[in-house]
Amino acid sequence: MDDKVAVPIRRVVKKAWEALRKYLLKTVIHLERRNASKWERRITSFVVEVLTPQTPIIKKVETVEEVDWDDLPDDVRSAWMKSEQQFHDMDVTAIRDQQLETLEMTN
């Protein structure tokens, strides 16, 4: 991709993430093995809910669902096959922060 196109796109993505991070404090994904073929995926987010500028409220939002072995991320399956690890945690916000921090912004 041409830098004349890529750099502006990267800047827009970074700006959008920064805007989202004002309200998204943290998102963590916890994967836990339930049996040979099923895992549980628990996504926990802490968000700022702004009713008025003077009264922001921090809200915990949690989603739990069953996931098939084949639908797990490759790194989770690999870790389990190596050590039979029963769970795997990912701090999505930290991962995205790091990815965006290392984006090249040269023109």
Protein backbone atom coordinates (compact mmCIF):
# COMPACT_ATOMS: atom_id res chain seq x y z
CA MET A 1 0.00 0.00 0.00
CA ASP A 2 1.23 3.46 -0.91
CA ASP A 3 2.35 5.62 2.05
CA LYS A 4 0.15 8.45 0.77
CA VAL A 5 -2.83 6.19 1.50
CA ALA A 6 -1.51 4.15 4.44
CA VAL A 7 -0.35 6.99 6.67
CA PRO A 8 -3.69 8.87 6.68
CA ILE A 9 -5.54 5.60 7.34
CA ARG A 10 -3.23 4.81 10.27
CA ARG A 11 -3.80 8.28 11.69
CA VAL A 12 -7.59 7.88 11.45
CA VAL A 13 -7.42 4.46 13.12
CA LYS A 14 -5.23 5.82 15.93
CA LYS A 15 -7.55 8.79 16.47
CA ALA A 16 -10.62 6.54 16.56
CA TRP A 17 -8.96 4.23 19.10
CA GLU A 18 -8.00 7.21 21.28
CA ALA A 19 -11.62 8.42 21.19
CA LEU A 20 -12.91 4.97 22.12
CA ARG A 21 -10.37 4.62 24.97
CA LYS A 22 -11.93 7.62 26.72
CA TYR A 23 -14.92 5.38 27.40
CA LEU A 24 -13.45 1.88 27.19
CA LEU A 25 -11.23 1.41 30.24
CA LYS A 26 -10.41 -2.25 29.77
CA THR A 27 -11.54 -5.37 27.90
CA VAL A 28 -10.31 -8.82 28.87
CA ILE A 29 -11.12 -12.15 27.24
CA HIS A 30 -10.93 -15.24 29.46
CA LEU A 31 -11.09 -18.63 27.70
CA GLU A 32 -11.59 -21.69 29.88
CA ARG A 33 -11.78 -25.33 28.88
CA ARG A 34 -15.05 -27.04 29.80
CA ASN A 35 -14.56 -30.44 28.11
CA ALA A 36 -12.68 -32.00 25.19
CA SER A 37 -14.44 -29.95 22.53
CA LYS A 38 -15.98 -26.94 24.30
CA TRP A 39 -14.52 -23.83 25.87
CA GLU A 40 -16.16 -20.90 27.60
CA ARG A 41 -15.34 -17.39 26.40
CA ARG A 42 -15.95 -14.63 28.94
CA ILE A 43 -15.52 -11.08 27.65
CA THR A 44 -15.40 -8.50 30.43
CA SER A 45 -15.31 -4.78 29.66
CA PHE A 46 -15.22 -1.79 31.95
CA VAL A 47 -16.75 1.25 30.30
CA VAL A 48 -17.46 4.81 31.33
CA GLU A 49 -21.13 5.59 31.01
CA VAL A 50 -21.60 9.34 30.96
CA LEU A 51 -25.05 10.47 32.05
CA THR A 52 -23.88 14.01 32.65
CA PRO A 53 -20.33 15.36 32.58
CA GLN A 54 -20.37 15.62 36.38
CA THR A 55 -21.53 12.04 37.01
CA PRO A 56 -19.62 9.47 34.96
CA ILE A 57 -20.38 5.89 36.00
CA ILE A 58 -18.04 2.95 35.48
CA LYS A 59 -20.00 -0.04 34.30
CA LYS A 60 -18.92 -3.68 34.00
CA VAL A 61 -20.26 -5.44 30.91
CA GLU A 62 -19.81 -9.20 30.67
CA THR A 63 -20.65 -11.65 27.89
CA VAL A 64 -20.30 -15.41 28.27
CA GLU A 65 -20.60 -17.91 25.45
CA GLU A 66 -19.62 -21.46 24.58
CA VAL A 67 -16.93 -21.83 21.91
CA ASP A 68 -15.96 -24.88 19.85
CA TRP A 69 -12.33 -26.00 19.83
CA ASP A 70 -12.05 -25.14 16.12
CA ASP A 71 -13.15 -21.55 16.77
CA LEU A 72 -10.43 -20.82 19.34
CA PRO A 73 -7.52 -18.55 18.37
CA ASP A 74 -4.45 -20.43 17.12
CA ASP A 75 -2.29 -19.32 20.07
CA VAL A 76 -4.81 -20.73 22.57
CA ARG A 77 -4.97 -24.11 20.81
CA SER A 78 -1.18 -24.20 20.54
CA ALA A 79 -0.70 -23.39 24.26
CA TRP A 80 -3.21 -26.06 25.24
CA MET A 81 -1.58 -28.73 23.04
CA LYS A 82 1.85 -27.96 24.52
CA SER A 83 0.90 -27.84 28.20
CA GLU A 84 -2.79 -28.71 28.43
CA GLN A 85 -3.38 -25.21 29.79
CA GLN A 86 -6.99 -25.07 31.04
CA PHE A 87 -7.48 -21.34 30.50
CA HIS A 88 -6.10 -18.39 28.58
CA ASP A 89 -6.45 -14.65 29.28
CA MET A 90 -6.00 -11.77 26.85
CA ASP A 91 -6.05 -8.08 27.74
CA VAL A 92 -7.50 -6.79 24.47
CA THR A 93 -7.09 -3.11 25.32
CA ALA A 94 -3.41 -3.54 26.21
CA ILE A 95 -2.79 -5.53 23.02
CA ARG A 96 -4.48 -2.89 20.84
CA ASP A 97 -2.71 -0.06 22.68
CA GLN A 98 0.63 -1.75 21.95
CA GLN A 99 -0.24 -2.42 18.31
CA LEU A 100 -1.23 1.18 17.69
CA GLU A 101 1.80 2.49 19.55
CA THR A 102 4.08 0.64 17.16
CA LEU A 103 2.26 1.72 13.97
CA GLU A 104 4.61 3.56 11.68
CA MET A 105 3.39 7.10 11.05
CA THR A 106 6.05 8.36 8.66
CA ASN A 107 5.08 10.17 5.50
